[in-house]
Amino acid sequence: LASFKTLRPDVALELADVALFGGQSEVSCACSALSRIDSCAQPCLHPLERALIDKSQMVRKRAVQALGSLRSLAADAARALTPALADVQFDIRACAASALGKLGHAASGAMPELMPLLKDVSPDVRRAAAACVSCFGEQAVPTPSI
């Protein structure tokens, strides 16, 4: 399935559902497939974004992971992921920073929200934030105001 570049929107939504609620090995496969279905991933954005506010920590974490795999929709996925940097659970914050790093330069707009995480109480969050910021290269350096 992950080798297909185009899928019907309903199949893409099923992949998102598996990414959120499937077994651990299924989640990994669904995220991998989502990362490979370029234009068909658009229908997945809204349900994955909604899942970021789910009561279940596991569902929120899986939504973050799935959004981080949507490289073909990197700017939209980064916008959706940015609020997860403020999640009450440290592992969600760390996962969100890692996911933004995977999205590359399209996620550089999250810099204002990432910078405080460099001083987070959790070392895992600090490491993930630092790795993410390093992915942005020169875009991570603030432009001096004159």
Protein backbone atom coordinates (compact mmCIF):
# COMPACT_ATOMS: atom_id res chain seq x y z
CA LEU A 1 0.00 0.00 0.00
CA ALA A 2 2.80 2.43 0.84
CA SER A 3 4.14 2.18 -2.70
CA PHE A 4 1.06 3.89 -4.19
CA LYS A 5 1.37 7.61 -4.91
CA THR A 6 -2.35 8.27 -5.32
CA LEU A 7 -5.23 6.81 -3.39
CA ARG A 8 -8.93 7.50 -3.13
CA PRO A 9 -9.62 9.97 -0.30
CA ASP A 10 -11.58 7.35 1.66
CA VAL A 11 -8.53 5.06 1.69
CA ALA A 12 -6.34 7.91 2.93
CA LEU A 13 -8.85 8.53 5.73
CA GLU A 14 -8.74 4.84 6.64
CA LEU A 15 -4.96 5.11 6.91
CA ALA A 16 -5.35 8.06 9.27
CA ASP A 17 -7.80 6.03 11.34
CA VAL A 18 -5.35 3.13 11.56
CA ALA A 19 -2.57 5.57 12.51
CA LEU A 20 -4.69 6.79 15.42
CA PHE A 21 -6.36 3.62 16.65
CA GLY A 22 -4.54 0.57 15.24
CA GLY A 23 -2.11 -1.77 16.92
CA GLN A 24 1.50 -0.63 17.33
CA SER A 25 2.82 -2.33 14.16
CA GLU A 26 -0.21 -1.11 12.20
CA VAL A 27 0.43 2.48 13.35
CA SER A 28 3.97 2.36 12.04
CA CYS A 29 2.84 0.99 8.67
CA ALA A 30 0.01 3.54 8.39
CA CYS A 31 2.38 6.45 9.12
CA SER A 32 4.82 5.08 6.58
CA ALA A 33 2.07 4.83 3.98
CA LEU A 34 0.84 8.36 4.77
CA SER A 35 4.35 9.67 4.16
CA ARG A 36 4.29 8.25 0.64
CA ILE A 37 0.86 9.31 -0.66
CA ASP A 38 1.49 12.82 -1.87
CA SER A 39 -1.66 14.63 -2.95
CA CYS A 40 -4.06 12.13 -1.38
CA ALA A 41 -3.03 12.94 2.18
CA GLN A 42 -5.04 16.19 2.29
CA PRO A 43 -8.24 14.53 3.63
CA CYS A 44 -6.22 13.20 6.59
CA LEU A 45 -5.23 16.61 7.91
CA HIS A 46 -8.48 17.54 9.61
CA PRO A 47 -9.09 14.26 11.48
CA LEU A 48 -5.46 14.13 12.60
CA GLU A 49 -5.59 17.74 13.74
CA ARG A 50 -8.79 17.04 15.71
CA ALA A 51 -7.08 14.08 17.36
CA LEU A 52 -4.44 16.42 18.81
CA ILE A 53 -6.98 17.49 21.44
CA ASP A 54 -8.24 13.99 22.25
CA LYS A 55 -8.38 13.06 25.94
CA SER A 56 -6.18 10.04 25.27
CA GLN A 57 -2.47 10.71 25.44
CA MET A 58 -1.85 7.76 23.10
CA VAL A 59 -4.22 9.14 20.45
CA ARG A 60 -2.59 12.59 20.68
CA LYS A 61 0.88 11.08 20.33
CA ARG A 62 -0.17 9.00 17.34
CA ALA A 63 -1.74 12.07 15.71
CA VAL A 64 1.55 13.94 16.16
CA GLN A 65 3.49 11.05 14.61
CA ALA A 66 1.10 10.79 11.68
CA LEU A 67 1.17 14.55 11.02
CA GLY A 68 4.96 14.45 11.10
CA SER A 69 4.88 11.90 8.30
CA LEU A 70 2.90 14.16 5.92
CA ARG A 71 5.92 15.68 4.19
CA SER A 72 3.94 16.41 1.02
CA LEU A 73 1.73 18.70 3.14
CA ALA A 74 4.54 19.93 5.37
CA ALA A 75 3.35 23.54 5.81
CA ASP A 76 -0.20 22.49 6.75
CA ALA A 77 1.04 19.66 8.98
CA ALA A 78 3.46 22.03 10.73
CA ARG A 79 0.67 24.52 11.37
CA ALA A 80 -1.47 21.72 12.84
CA LEU A 81 1.41 20.39 14.96
CA THR A 82 2.55 23.66 16.50
CA PRO A 83 -0.07 23.72 19.31
CA ALA A 84 1.09 20.24 20.40
CA LEU A 85 4.36 21.85 21.51
CA ALA A 86 2.37 23.15 24.49
CA ASP A 87 0.78 19.80 25.45
CA VAL A 88 0.75 19.07 29.18
CA GLN A 89 2.49 15.73 28.58
CA PHE A 90 6.23 16.00 28.03
CA ASP A 91 6.35 13.06 25.62
CA ILE A 92 3.79 14.75 23.36
CA ARG A 93 5.86 17.95 23.37
CA ALA A 94 9.01 15.99 22.53
CA CYS A 95 7.23 14.01 19.81
CA ALA A 96 5.81 17.24 18.32
CA ALA A 97 9.26 18.82 18.18
CA SER A 98 10.65 15.70 16.49
CA ALA A 99 7.75 15.63 14.03
CA LEU A 100 8.32 19.29 13.12
CA GLY A 101 11.98 18.52 12.51
CA LYS A 102 10.97 15.77 10.08
CA LEU A 103 8.89 18.30 8.15
CA GLY A 104 12.01 20.42 7.59
CA HIS A 105 12.07 24.08 6.60
CA ALA A 106 8.30 24.20 6.13
CA ALA A 107 8.04 24.01 9.92
CA SER A 108 10.37 26.91 10.61
CA GLY A 109 7.36 29.12 11.37
CA ALA A 110 7.11 27.20 14.66
CA MET A 111 10.36 28.76 15.92
CA PRO A 112 8.65 31.10 18.43
CA GLU A 113 6.92 28.10 20.04
CA LEU A 114 10.05 25.90 19.86
CA MET A 115 12.46 28.30 21.52
CA PRO A 116 10.93 28.00 25.04
CA LEU A 117 11.19 24.22 24.76
CA LEU A 118 14.98 24.54 24.77
CA LYS A 119 14.50 25.30 28.50
CA ASP A 120 11.73 22.75 29.16
CA VAL A 121 11.84 20.83 32.45
CA SER A 122 12.10 17.57 30.49
CA PRO A 123 15.50 16.69 29.03
CA ASP A 124 13.72 14.70 26.30
CA VAL A 125 11.81 17.79 25.22
CA ARG A 126 14.97 19.93 25.30
CA ARG A 127 16.83 17.40 23.12
CA ALA A 128 13.97 17.10 20.63
CA ALA A 129 13.59 20.89 20.41
CA ALA A 130 17.33 21.36 19.86
CA ALA A 131 17.36 18.70 17.14
CA CYS A 132 14.36 20.32 15.48
CA VAL A 133 15.88 23.80 15.56
CA SER A 134 19.10 22.43 14.06
CA CYS A 135 17.07 21.08 11.10
CA PHE A 136 16.14 24.63 10.14
CA GLY A 137 19.71 25.78 9.53
CA GLU A 138 19.99 29.49 8.79
CA GLN A 139 16.22 29.91 9.22
CA ALA A 140 16.72 29.14 12.92
CA VAL A 141 18.81 32.28 13.39
CA PRO A 142 16.64 35.29 14.20
CA THR A 143 17.14 38.30 11.97
CA PRO A 144 18.47 41.23 14.01
CA SER A 145 16.17 44.22 14.07
CA ILE A 146 17.75 47.54 13.28
